[in-house]
Amino acid sequence: MARYLGPRTKVCRRLGVVLPGLTTAATLVRPYPPGQHGLRRRGKVSDYKMRLIEKQKVRFHFGVMEKQFKNYVVQAVRRKGPTGQNLALLLESRLDNVVWRMGIAATIPAARQLVVHGHILVDGKRVDRPSYQIRVGQEIGVREKSASKPFMQEAIELSTTRVRPGYLEFDPAKLIGKMVTSPNMDDIPFEVNTQAVIEYYSQQL
């Protein structure tokens, strides 16, 4: 399964924003691009670069590769309704993202590992595909055998301080969450211009 394995904070510095799904860092210690010229004054950002940055922010946050991300954009364009809203719905409904938003994983890559290793249940059945789309009304839980493991207990303790989005309900005692409504653009936990993302791919679709 292809995924980004490089330095995470470096990506955030290059894009100029902390991506909470990619790293646990609260702020950027060095809030400028990496490299020896990072502190130099930068010229005007072109429209193309602005769209590229917005696209990369979303792609790295959710941890999807370029081909898969483009497929999400294609699906969003084909669906009825605002394309940006459709894209946000597809990405926020991914199982690995929902597990992270429930608070039982520190990052989306950590949530992906829980899913792939078979620790997560959807409506009582084990699902090991991180891209699985969660629908409104479905329950997401942790396997009974997995709940007693030390790493899971530590994750549960840390989850008490996490702020969860309005489209999710979570019971820490039962380790069960539920999608109660469809996510939207406002649920993405950082500022992003989804219209710029769509425009980036407009000539490729």
C-alpha atoms as a PDB file:
ATOM      1  CA  MET A   1       0.000   0.000   0.000  1.00  0.00           C
ATOM      2  CA  ALA A   2       1.633   3.216  -1.171  1.00  0.00           C
ATOM      3  CA  ARG A   3       1.806   6.057   1.318  1.00  0.00           C
ATOM      4  CA  TYR A   4       4.033   9.006   2.245  1.00  0.00           C
ATOM      5  CA  LEU A   5       6.885   7.982   4.544  1.00  0.00           C
ATOM      6  CA  GLY A   6       9.031  11.127   4.473  1.00  0.00           C
ATOM      7  CA  PRO A   7       9.530  13.882   7.084  1.00  0.00           C
ATOM      8  CA  ARG A   8       6.119  15.196   8.096  1.00  0.00           C
ATOM      9  CA  THR A   9       7.007  18.536   9.670  1.00  0.00           C
ATOM     10  CA  LYS A  10       9.035  19.389   6.571  1.00  0.00           C
ATOM     11  CA  VAL A  11       5.892  18.999   4.459  1.00  0.00           C
ATOM     12  CA  CYS A  12       3.959  21.301   6.812  1.00  0.00           C
ATOM     13  CA  ARG A  13       6.715  23.928   6.618  1.00  0.00           C
ATOM     14  CA  ARG A  14       6.714  23.764   2.828  1.00  0.00           C
ATOM     15  CA  LEU A  15       2.932  24.224   2.691  1.00  0.00           C
ATOM     16  CA  GLY A  16       2.860  26.838   5.460  1.00  0.00           C
ATOM     17  CA  VAL A  17       0.296  25.129   7.692  1.00  0.00           C
ATOM     18  CA  VAL A  18       0.160  22.471  10.401  1.00  0.00           C
ATOM     19  CA  LEU A  19      -1.702  19.444   9.034  1.00  0.00           C
ATOM     20  CA  PRO A  20      -3.271  17.788  12.102  1.00  0.00           C
ATOM     21  CA  GLY A  21      -3.887  14.504  10.307  1.00  0.00           C
ATOM     22  CA  LEU A  22      -0.218  14.200   9.382  1.00  0.00           C
ATOM     23  CA  THR A  23       1.565  15.335  12.545  1.00  0.00           C
ATOM     24  CA  THR A  24       0.888  15.863  16.243  1.00  0.00           C
ATOM     25  CA  ALA A  25       2.825  19.142  16.268  1.00  0.00           C
ATOM     26  CA  ALA A  26       0.664  22.030  17.483  1.00  0.00           C
ATOM     27  CA  THR A  27       2.716  24.742  15.790  1.00  0.00           C
ATOM     28  CA  LEU A  28       5.664  25.051  13.424  1.00  0.00           C
ATOM     29  CA  VAL A  29       8.855  25.828  15.350  1.00  0.00           C
ATOM     30  CA  ARG A  30      10.330  27.221  12.132  1.00  0.00           C
ATOM     31  CA  PRO A  31       7.369  28.717  10.234  1.00  0.00           C
ATOM     32  CA  TYR A  32       9.165  29.122   6.919  1.00  0.00           C
ATOM     33  CA  PRO A  33       9.954  26.741   4.028  1.00  0.00           C
ATOM     34  CA  PRO A  34      12.820  24.261   4.525  1.00  0.00           C
ATOM     35  CA  GLY A  35      16.179  24.721   2.811  1.00  0.00           C
ATOM     36  CA  GLN A  36      18.921  27.336   2.861  1.00  0.00           C
ATOM     37  CA  HIS A  37      16.735  29.879   1.072  1.00  0.00           C
ATOM     38  CA  GLY A  38      13.688  29.362   3.272  1.00  0.00           C
ATOM     39  CA  LEU A  39      14.082  32.688   5.111  1.00  0.00           C
ATOM     40  CA  ARG A  40      14.521  34.768   1.983  1.00  0.00           C
ATOM     41  CA  ARG A  41      11.727  37.016   0.807  1.00  0.00           C
ATOM     42  CA  ARG A  42       9.474  35.162  -1.586  1.00  0.00           C
ATOM     43  CA  GLY A  43       7.953  36.701  -4.690  1.00  0.00           C
ATOM     44  CA  LYS A  44       4.305  36.797  -5.646  1.00  0.00           C
ATOM     45  CA  VAL A  45       2.676  33.381  -5.652  1.00  0.00           C
ATOM     46  CA  SER A  46       1.190  32.462  -9.032  1.00  0.00           C
ATOM     47  CA  ASP A  47      -2.371  31.196  -9.369  1.00  0.00           C
ATOM     48  CA  TYR A  48      -1.063  27.772 -10.344  1.00  0.00           C
ATOM     49  CA  LYS A  49       1.171  27.525  -7.284  1.00  0.00           C
ATOM     50  CA  MET A  50      -1.667  28.640  -5.012  1.00  0.00           C
ATOM     51  CA  ARG A  51      -3.884  25.856  -6.388  1.00  0.00           C
ATOM     52  CA  LEU A  52      -1.050  23.342  -6.101  1.00  0.00           C
ATOM     53  CA  ILE A  53      -0.469  24.255  -2.450  1.00  0.00           C
ATOM     54  CA  GLU A  54      -4.176  23.901  -1.622  1.00  0.00           C
ATOM     55  CA  LYS A  55      -4.260  20.507  -3.337  1.00  0.00           C
ATOM     56  CA  GLN A  56      -1.142  19.302  -1.526  1.00  0.00           C
ATOM     57  CA  LYS A  57      -2.495  20.434   1.841  1.00  0.00           C
ATOM     58  CA  VAL A  58      -5.586  18.271   1.460  1.00  0.00           C
ATOM     59  CA  ARG A  59      -3.726  15.324  -0.061  1.00  0.00           C
ATOM     60  CA  PHE A  60      -1.043  15.131   2.618  1.00  0.00           C
ATOM     61  CA  HIS A  61      -3.498  15.694   5.453  1.00  0.00           C
ATOM     62  CA  PHE A  62      -5.669  12.752   4.434  1.00  0.00           C
ATOM     63  CA  GLY A  63      -2.663  10.659   3.421  1.00  0.00           C
ATOM     64  CA  VAL A  64      -3.709   9.684  -0.084  1.00  0.00           C
ATOM     65  CA  MET A  65      -1.465   9.368  -3.112  1.00  0.00           C
ATOM     66  CA  GLU A  66      -1.879  11.510  -6.231  1.00  0.00           C
ATOM     67  CA  LYS A  67      -3.732   8.967  -8.397  1.00  0.00           C
ATOM     68  CA  GLN A  68      -6.197   8.128  -5.628  1.00  0.00           C
ATOM     69  CA  PHE A  69      -6.755  11.797  -4.799  1.00  0.00           C
ATOM     70  CA  LYS A  70      -7.487  12.598  -8.439  1.00  0.00           C
ATOM     71  CA  ASN A  71     -10.050   9.770  -8.458  1.00  0.00           C
ATOM     72  CA  TYR A  72     -11.771  11.416  -5.475  1.00  0.00           C
ATOM     73  CA  VAL A  73     -11.943  14.690  -7.412  1.00  0.00           C
ATOM     74  CA  VAL A  74     -13.444  12.869 -10.409  1.00  0.00           C
ATOM     75  CA  GLN A  75     -16.103  11.309  -8.169  1.00  0.00           C
ATOM     76  CA  ALA A  76     -16.832  14.691  -6.577  1.00  0.00           C
ATOM     77  CA  VAL A  77     -17.318  16.317  -9.994  1.00  0.00           C
ATOM     78  CA  ARG A  78     -19.691  13.563 -11.168  1.00  0.00           C
ATOM     79  CA  ARG A  79     -21.907  13.709  -8.084  1.00  0.00           C
ATOM     80  CA  LYS A  80     -24.825  16.088  -7.766  1.00  0.00           C
ATOM     81  CA  GLY A  81     -24.307  19.182  -5.639  1.00  0.00           C
ATOM     82  CA  PRO A  82     -21.317  21.484  -4.962  1.00  0.00           C
ATOM     83  CA  THR A  83     -18.088  19.764  -5.992  1.00  0.00           C
ATOM     84  CA  GLY A  84     -16.110  21.080  -3.012  1.00  0.00           C
ATOM     85  CA  GLN A  85     -18.740  19.760  -0.626  1.00  0.00           C
ATOM     86  CA  ASN A  86     -18.720  16.374  -2.373  1.00  0.00           C
ATOM     87  CA  LEU A  87     -14.927  16.179  -2.110  1.00  0.00           C
ATOM     88  CA  ALA A  88     -14.996  17.004   1.605  1.00  0.00           C
ATOM     89  CA  LEU A  89     -17.659  14.329   2.147  1.00  0.00           C
ATOM     90  CA  LEU A  90     -15.627  11.641   0.349  1.00  0.00           C
ATOM     91  CA  LEU A  91     -12.419  12.413   2.247  1.00  0.00           C
ATOM     92  CA  GLU A  92     -13.915  12.950   5.706  1.00  0.00           C
ATOM     93  CA  SER A  93     -15.904   9.706   5.366  1.00  0.00           C
ATOM     94  CA  ARG A  94     -12.805   7.542   4.894  1.00  0.00           C
ATOM     95  CA  LEU A  95     -12.542   4.933   7.655  1.00  0.00           C
ATOM     96  CA  ASP A  96      -8.993   5.888   8.666  1.00  0.00           C
ATOM     97  CA  ASN A  97     -10.034   9.541   8.998  1.00  0.00           C
ATOM     98  CA  VAL A  98     -13.136   8.653  11.044  1.00  0.00           C
ATOM     99  CA  VAL A  99     -11.027   6.515  13.408  1.00  0.00           C
ATOM    100  CA  TRP A 100      -8.672   9.469  13.862  1.00  0.00           C
ATOM    101  CA  ARG A 101     -11.513  11.942  14.380  1.00  0.00           C
ATOM    102  CA  MET A 102     -12.984   9.627  17.031  1.00  0.00           C
ATOM    103  CA  GLY A 103      -9.747  10.195  18.957  1.00  0.00           C
ATOM    104  CA  ILE A 104      -8.341   6.667  19.202  1.00  0.00           C
ATOM    105  CA  ALA A 105      -5.321   7.441  17.022  1.00  0.00           C
ATOM    106  CA  ALA A 106      -2.915  10.373  17.194  1.00  0.00           C
ATOM    107  CA  THR A 107      -2.702  10.846  13.417  1.00  0.00           C
ATOM    108  CA  ILE A 108      -4.342   9.505  10.280  1.00  0.00           C
ATOM    109  CA  PRO A 109      -1.303   7.283   9.499  1.00  0.00           C
ATOM    110  CA  ALA A 110      -1.666   5.789  12.996  1.00  0.00           C
ATOM    111  CA  ALA A 111      -5.393   5.257  12.382  1.00  0.00           C
ATOM    112  CA  ARG A 112      -4.590   3.616   9.048  1.00  0.00           C
ATOM    113  CA  GLN A 113      -2.322   1.159  10.835  1.00  0.00           C
ATOM    114  CA  LEU A 114      -5.114   0.242  13.280  1.00  0.00           C
ATOM    115  CA  VAL A 115      -7.464  -0.406  10.376  1.00  0.00           C
ATOM    116  CA  VAL A 116      -4.998  -2.449   8.307  1.00  0.00           C
ATOM    117  CA  HIS A 117      -4.090  -4.608  11.321  1.00  0.00           C
ATOM    118  CA  GLY A 118      -7.740  -5.515  11.861  1.00  0.00           C
ATOM    119  CA  HIS A 119      -8.425  -3.668  15.125  1.00  0.00           C
ATOM    120  CA  ILE A 120     -11.452  -1.747  13.811  1.00  0.00           C
ATOM    121  CA  LEU A 121     -15.043  -2.909  13.325  1.00  0.00           C
ATOM    122  CA  VAL A 122     -17.781  -1.344  11.192  1.00  0.00           C
ATOM    123  CA  ASP A 123     -21.280  -2.423  12.218  1.00  0.00           C
ATOM    124  CA  GLY A 124     -19.705  -5.317  14.116  1.00  0.00           C
ATOM    125  CA  LYS A 125     -17.648  -6.608  11.170  1.00  0.00           C
ATOM    126  CA  ARG A 126     -13.898  -6.243  10.795  1.00  0.00           C
ATOM    127  CA  VAL A 127     -12.855  -3.893   7.997  1.00  0.00           C
ATOM    128  CA  ASP A 128      -9.172  -3.605   7.071  1.00  0.00           C
ATOM    129  CA  ARG A 129      -9.469  -1.114   4.195  1.00  0.00           C
ATOM    130  CA  PRO A 130      -8.543   2.481   5.212  1.00  0.00           C
ATOM    131  CA  SER A 131     -10.416   3.988   2.243  1.00  0.00           C
ATOM    132  CA  TYR A 132     -13.706   2.303   3.206  1.00  0.00           C
ATOM    133  CA  GLN A 133     -16.500   4.907   3.022  1.00  0.00           C
ATOM    134  CA  ILE A 134     -18.505   5.290   6.240  1.00  0.00           C
ATOM    135  CA  ARG A 135     -22.184   6.127   5.752  1.00  0.00           C
ATOM    136  CA  VAL A 136     -24.554   7.980   8.069  1.00  0.00           C
ATOM    137  CA  GLY A 137     -25.862   5.606  10.745  1.00  0.00           C
ATOM    138  CA  GLN A 138     -22.942   3.181  10.662  1.00  0.00           C
ATOM    139  CA  GLU A 139     -21.149   2.332  13.923  1.00  0.00           C
ATOM    140  CA  ILE A 140     -17.378   2.185  14.212  1.00  0.00           C
ATOM    141  CA  GLY A 141     -15.838   0.276  17.103  1.00  0.00           C
ATOM    142  CA  VAL A 142     -12.727  -1.469  18.388  1.00  0.00           C
ATOM    143  CA  ARG A 143     -12.402  -5.247  18.514  1.00  0.00           C
ATOM    144  CA  GLU A 144     -12.864  -6.635  22.022  1.00  0.00           C
ATOM    145  CA  LYS A 145      -9.443  -8.330  21.981  1.00  0.00           C
ATOM    146  CA  SER A 146      -7.771  -5.139  20.789  1.00  0.00           C
ATOM    147  CA  ALA A 147      -9.404  -2.896  23.412  1.00  0.00           C
ATOM    148  CA  SER A 148      -7.374  -4.444  26.243  1.00  0.00           C
ATOM    149  CA  LYS A 149      -3.997  -3.967  24.578  1.00  0.00           C
ATOM    150  CA  PRO A 150      -1.667  -1.364  26.196  1.00  0.00           C
ATOM    151  CA  PHE A 151      -1.324   0.795  23.074  1.00  0.00           C
ATOM    152  CA  MET A 152      -5.095   1.004  22.753  1.00  0.00           C
ATOM    153  CA  GLN A 153      -5.574   1.886  26.425  1.00  0.00           C
ATOM    154  CA  GLU A 154      -3.001   4.667  26.062  1.00  0.00           C
ATOM    155  CA  ALA A 155      -4.798   5.964  22.960  1.00  0.00           C
ATOM    156  CA  ILE A 156      -8.133   5.940  24.802  1.00  0.00           C
ATOM    157  CA  GLU A 157      -6.673   8.007  27.659  1.00  0.00           C
ATOM    158  CA  LEU A 158      -5.330  10.573  25.223  1.00  0.00           C
ATOM    159  CA  SER A 159      -8.661  10.706  23.377  1.00  0.00           C
ATOM    160  CA  THR A 160     -10.408  12.376  26.314  1.00  0.00           C
ATOM    161  CA  THR A 161      -8.846  15.726  25.382  1.00  0.00           C
ATOM    162  CA  ARG A 162      -9.662  15.526  21.666  1.00  0.00           C
ATOM    163  CA  VAL A 163     -12.306  17.755  20.104  1.00  0.00           C
ATOM    164  CA  ARG A 164     -14.555  15.680  17.856  1.00  0.00           C
ATOM    165  CA  PRO A 165     -16.481  16.985  14.832  1.00  0.00           C
ATOM    166  CA  GLY A 166     -20.239  17.398  14.994  1.00  0.00           C
ATOM    167  CA  TYR A 167     -20.928  14.608  12.531  1.00  0.00           C
ATOM    168  CA  LEU A 168     -19.580  11.967  14.953  1.00  0.00           C
ATOM    169  CA  GLU A 169     -20.725  10.561  18.271  1.00  0.00           C
ATOM    170  CA  PHE A 170     -18.305   8.548  20.420  1.00  0.00           C
ATOM    171  CA  ASP A 171     -18.753   6.566  23.630  1.00  0.00           C
ATOM    172  CA  PRO A 172     -15.319   6.122  25.299  1.00  0.00           C
ATOM    173  CA  ALA A 173     -16.683   3.495  27.690  1.00  0.00           C
ATOM    174  CA  LYS A 174     -17.898   1.219  24.889  1.00  0.00           C
ATOM    175  CA  LEU A 175     -15.306   2.373  22.320  1.00  0.00           C
ATOM    176  CA  ILE A 176     -18.055   2.839  19.769  1.00  0.00           C
ATOM    177  CA  GLY A 177     -18.568   5.800  17.502  1.00  0.00           C
ATOM    178  CA  LYS A 178     -21.330   6.604  15.044  1.00  0.00           C
ATOM    179  CA  MET A 179     -21.642   8.896  12.063  1.00  0.00           C
ATOM    180  CA  VAL A 180     -24.820  10.838  12.813  1.00  0.00           C
ATOM    181  CA  THR A 181     -24.774  13.230   9.859  1.00  0.00           C
ATOM    182  CA  SER A 182     -22.803  13.835   6.669  1.00  0.00           C
ATOM    183  CA  PRO A 183     -19.540  15.785   7.043  1.00  0.00           C
ATOM    184  CA  ASN A 184     -19.034  18.995   5.098  1.00  0.00           C
ATOM    185  CA  MET A 185     -16.270  21.447   4.175  1.00  0.00           C
ATOM    186  CA  ASP A 186     -16.405  23.155   7.575  1.00  0.00           C
ATOM    187  CA  ASP A 187     -15.414  19.870   9.232  1.00  0.00           C
ATOM    188  CA  ILE A 188     -11.956  19.831   7.609  1.00  0.00           C
ATOM    189  CA  PRO A 189      -9.735  20.796  10.584  1.00  0.00           C
ATOM    190  CA  PHE A 190      -7.640  23.444   8.817  1.00  0.00           C
ATOM    191  CA  GLU A 191      -8.257  26.292   6.401  1.00  0.00           C
ATOM    192  CA  VAL A 192      -8.438  25.101   2.806  1.00  0.00           C
ATOM    193  CA  ASN A 193      -9.814  26.450  -0.459  1.00  0.00           C
ATOM    194  CA  THR A 194     -11.544  23.431  -1.993  1.00  0.00           C
ATOM    195  CA  GLN A 195     -12.495  25.453  -5.077  1.00  0.00           C
ATOM    196  CA  ALA A 196      -8.784  25.962  -5.802  1.00  0.00           C
ATOM    197  CA  VAL A 197      -8.282  22.191  -5.537  1.00  0.00           C
ATOM    198  CA  ILE A 198     -11.023  21.590  -8.118  1.00  0.00           C
ATOM    199  CA  GLU A 199      -9.567  24.278 -10.390  1.00  0.00           C
ATOM    200  CA  TYR A 200      -6.148  22.591 -10.210  1.00  0.00           C
ATOM    201  CA  TYR A 201      -7.616  19.497 -11.863  1.00  0.00           C
ATOM    202  CA  SER A 202     -10.087  21.307 -14.145  1.00  0.00           C
ATOM    203  CA  GLN A 203      -7.986  20.840 -17.304  1.00  0.00           C
ATOM    204  CA  GLN A 204      -7.097  17.233 -16.483  1.00  0.00           C
ATOM    205  CA  LEU A 205     -10.625  15.868 -16.110  1.00  0.00           C
END
